[in-house]
Amino acid sequence: MERRNIFLAASLAITLSTAALAEAFLVRHIQRPMHRFMVARSEAGKIIASGEFSQVVQGDEVTMRLTITKASTMDQPRL
């Protein structure tokens, strides 16, 4: 049981030490909050996916999130 606890602690330490490290960079334009919905269609006009994009501004930090939901599967031609 002790070996399992050591493995769990090591895994947790590695995960937390490498999670979401981001570097700040300068921008030329002021960012504003945004919320958009998107739809992807096949050539036949059938909806194959939909998505949502949001951008939140807090002080000098901008957080963006893109969520894509698959609506149906596309038929792939077999070779």
Protein backbone atom coordinates (compact mmCIF):
# COMPACT_ATOMS: atom_id res chain seq x y z
CA MET A 1 0.00 0.00 0.00
CA GLU A 2 2.89 2.37 0.72
CA ARG A 3 4.25 1.92 -2.80
CA ARG A 4 0.87 2.92 -4.23
CA ASN A 5 0.84 6.12 -2.11
CA ILE A 6 4.34 7.05 -3.31
CA PHE A 7 3.29 6.51 -6.94
CA LEU A 8 0.14 8.60 -6.41
CA ALA A 9 2.11 11.43 -4.78
CA ALA A 10 4.70 11.42 -7.58
CA SER A 11 1.99 11.44 -10.26
CA LEU A 12 0.18 14.32 -8.57
CA ALA A 13 3.41 16.34 -8.21
CA ILE A 14 4.27 15.89 -11.91
CA THR A 15 0.76 16.77 -13.02
CA LEU A 16 0.53 19.93 -10.91
CA SER A 17 4.00 21.13 -11.83
CA THR A 18 3.31 21.00 -15.59
CA ALA A 19 -0.35 22.08 -15.70
CA ALA A 20 -1.28 25.13 -17.78
CA LEU A 21 1.95 27.10 -17.84
CA ALA A 22 1.41 30.10 -20.09
CA GLU A 23 3.64 32.97 -21.09
CA ALA A 24 2.36 36.55 -21.24
CA PHE A 25 2.76 38.47 -24.50
CA LEU A 26 2.01 41.99 -25.71
CA VAL A 27 -1.02 42.72 -27.88
CA ARG A 28 -1.69 45.63 -30.22
CA HIS A 29 -5.47 45.80 -29.89
CA ILE A 30 -7.70 46.00 -26.83
CA GLN A 31 -9.60 42.75 -26.26
CA ARG A 32 -13.28 42.82 -25.40
CA PRO A 33 -15.61 40.16 -24.01
CA MET A 34 -17.15 38.02 -26.76
CA HIS A 35 -19.61 35.14 -27.04
CA ARG A 36 -20.36 33.47 -30.39
CA PHE A 37 -22.11 30.34 -31.66
CA MET A 38 -20.88 28.47 -34.74
CA VAL A 39 -22.27 25.78 -37.04
CA ALA A 40 -20.34 23.56 -39.46
CA ARG A 41 -22.28 22.16 -42.40
CA SER A 42 -21.55 19.47 -44.96
CA GLU A 43 -21.57 20.28 -48.68
CA ALA A 44 -25.18 19.04 -48.72
CA GLY A 45 -26.13 21.58 -46.04
CA LYS A 46 -26.52 19.07 -43.20
CA ILE A 47 -25.31 20.27 -39.78
CA ILE A 48 -22.31 18.13 -38.82
CA ALA A 49 -21.09 20.06 -35.77
CA SER A 50 -21.89 23.10 -33.67
CA GLY A 51 -19.75 25.08 -31.30
CA GLU A 52 -19.52 27.91 -28.86
CA PHE A 53 -16.70 30.44 -28.48
CA SER A 54 -16.36 32.72 -25.48
CA GLN A 55 -13.74 35.27 -24.50
CA VAL A 56 -13.59 36.82 -21.03
CA VAL A 57 -11.44 39.82 -20.11
CA GLN A 58 -10.39 40.38 -16.50
CA GLY A 59 -7.96 43.25 -16.06
CA ASP A 60 -5.03 42.53 -18.37
CA GLU A 61 -5.87 38.82 -18.78
CA VAL A 62 -7.91 37.32 -21.62
CA THR A 63 -9.33 33.81 -21.34
CA MET A 64 -10.72 32.09 -24.44
CA ARG A 65 -12.73 28.87 -24.64
CA LEU A 66 -13.87 26.94 -27.70
CA THR A 67 -16.33 24.08 -27.27
CA ILE A 68 -17.26 21.93 -30.26
CA THR A 69 -20.18 19.50 -30.19
CA LYS A 70 -20.39 16.85 -32.87
CA ALA A 71 -23.93 16.65 -34.19
CA SER A 72 -23.63 13.58 -36.38
CA THR A 73 -21.05 11.37 -38.02
CA MET A 74 -20.00 11.89 -41.60
CA ASP A 75 -19.87 8.88 -43.91
CA GLN A 76 -16.29 8.22 -44.96
CA PRO A 77 -15.81 6.69 -48.41
CA ARG A 78 -14.09 3.31 -48.30
CA LEU A 79 -11.20 2.68 -50.63
